[in-house]
Amino acid sequence: MRHLAAALAIALAVVAIPAAAQTYSSKVFVTVDAVQVRGYTVSVTGIAQGEATPTTYLVYFASDASANMVFAQNCQQQALLAMSKPGQYLLELSASNYSCKLSRVSP
């Protein structure tokens, strides 16, 4: 009976790992399919590096509204540029320091 309980505990731990692995501090998109600024969030949907299916990543703002609007506008502009030229740019979003970085892919 003790072995069954141990096996069940290990199985539950293994199942819980993928859910925890989806909490990201930053995400790099190789393609951007959608971007939305709403309230205190920036939402980007696209294909992330190393993934094959689209992912949606949210960045929640702190409480300073004026700084948030500047960040949201800059990030939205960068995401739209990445969206207009798929595969030519990498868009990196970071929730830990509220940053949005656009870089050109080397040919």
Protein backbone atom coordinates (compact mmCIF):
# COMPACT_ATOMS: atom_id res chain seq x y z
CA MET A 1 0.00 0.00 0.00
CA ARG A 2 2.89 2.35 0.80
CA HIS A 3 4.33 1.79 -2.71
CA LEU A 4 0.99 2.64 -4.29
CA ALA A 5 0.80 5.92 -2.35
CA ALA A 6 4.38 6.80 -3.34
CA ALA A 7 3.69 6.01 -7.01
CA LEU A 8 0.52 8.13 -6.91
CA ALA A 9 2.41 11.06 -5.34
CA ILE A 10 5.12 10.86 -8.03
CA ALA A 11 2.51 10.67 -10.80
CA LEU A 12 0.72 13.75 -9.44
CA ALA A 13 4.00 15.65 -9.20
CA VAL A 14 4.85 14.81 -12.82
CA VAL A 15 1.41 15.97 -13.98
CA ALA A 16 1.78 19.25 -12.07
CA ILE A 17 5.15 20.13 -13.66
CA PRO A 18 3.81 21.22 -17.10
CA ALA A 19 1.26 23.58 -15.54
CA ALA A 20 3.96 25.28 -13.46
CA ALA A 21 6.29 25.45 -16.47
CA GLN A 22 3.85 27.76 -18.25
CA THR A 23 4.55 30.62 -15.87
CA TYR A 24 7.05 32.80 -17.73
CA SER A 25 8.99 35.85 -16.68
CA SER A 26 9.70 36.60 -20.35
CA LYS A 27 8.71 35.27 -23.74
CA VAL A 28 10.33 35.65 -27.19
CA PHE A 29 8.01 35.54 -30.20
CA VAL A 30 9.27 34.67 -33.69
CA THR A 31 5.90 35.58 -35.19
CA VAL A 32 3.12 37.78 -33.83
CA ASP A 33 -0.49 37.02 -34.78
CA ALA A 34 -2.34 39.44 -32.50
CA VAL A 35 -1.67 42.21 -30.02
CA GLN A 36 -4.12 43.84 -27.64
CA VAL A 37 -3.75 46.58 -25.06
CA ARG A 38 -6.63 46.49 -22.62
CA GLY A 39 -6.84 48.13 -19.24
CA TYR A 40 -3.68 47.21 -17.37
CA THR A 41 -2.52 44.43 -19.70
CA VAL A 42 -0.69 43.91 -22.98
CA SER A 43 -1.62 40.63 -24.64
CA VAL A 44 0.45 39.17 -27.49
CA THR A 45 -0.44 36.00 -29.37
CA GLY A 46 2.03 34.28 -31.68
CA ILE A 47 4.60 31.54 -32.07
CA ALA A 48 7.25 31.64 -29.36
CA GLN A 49 10.83 30.46 -29.84
CA GLY A 50 11.04 26.70 -29.56
CA GLU A 51 7.28 26.18 -29.84
CA ALA A 52 5.11 25.06 -32.73
CA THR A 53 1.68 26.31 -31.69
CA PRO A 54 0.51 29.85 -30.95
CA THR A 55 0.77 31.09 -27.37
CA THR A 56 -0.82 34.10 -25.69
CA TYR A 57 1.37 36.00 -23.24
CA LEU A 58 0.06 38.69 -20.89
CA VAL A 59 2.02 41.45 -19.18
CA TYR A 60 0.19 43.09 -16.27
CA PHE A 61 1.14 46.66 -15.39
CA ALA A 62 2.02 48.18 -12.07
CA SER A 63 -0.17 50.97 -10.73
CA ASP A 64 1.48 54.03 -12.36
CA ALA A 65 -0.95 54.82 -15.17
CA SER A 66 1.18 57.29 -17.18
CA ALA A 67 4.20 55.00 -17.34
CA ASN A 68 1.91 52.09 -18.22
CA MET A 69 0.42 53.91 -21.19
CA VAL A 70 3.87 54.74 -22.58
CA PHE A 71 4.96 51.12 -22.17
CA ALA A 72 1.74 49.82 -23.73
CA GLN A 73 1.99 52.15 -26.74
CA ASN A 74 5.65 51.33 -27.36
CA CYS A 75 5.06 47.61 -27.01
CA GLN A 76 2.03 47.74 -29.29
CA GLN A 77 4.04 49.55 -31.99
CA GLN A 78 6.84 47.00 -31.78
CA ALA A 79 4.38 44.09 -31.91
CA LEU A 80 2.64 45.59 -34.95
CA LEU A 81 5.98 45.88 -36.77
CA ALA A 82 6.80 42.25 -35.94
CA MET A 83 3.30 41.30 -37.09
CA SER A 84 3.71 43.07 -40.44
CA LYS A 85 6.95 41.19 -41.28
CA PRO A 86 6.66 37.62 -39.93
CA GLY A 87 9.98 35.91 -39.27
CA GLN A 88 12.06 39.09 -39.70
CA TYR A 89 11.91 40.24 -36.07
CA LEU A 90 11.97 38.74 -32.58
CA LEU A 91 9.66 40.34 -30.03
CA GLU A 92 10.65 39.79 -26.42
CA LEU A 93 8.20 40.61 -23.64
CA SER A 94 9.22 40.58 -20.01
CA ALA A 95 6.71 40.68 -17.17
CA SER A 96 9.42 40.93 -14.52
CA ASN A 97 10.67 44.37 -15.64
CA TYR A 98 7.83 45.50 -17.94
CA SER A 99 9.98 45.54 -21.06
CA CYS A 100 9.30 45.00 -24.72
CA LYS A 101 12.26 44.48 -27.08
CA LEU A 102 12.20 44.17 -30.86
CA SER A 103 15.28 42.86 -32.67
CA ARG A 104 15.94 41.99 -36.31
CA VAL A 105 16.66 38.34 -37.13
CA SER A 106 20.05 37.85 -38.75
CA PRO A 107 19.78 36.40 -42.28
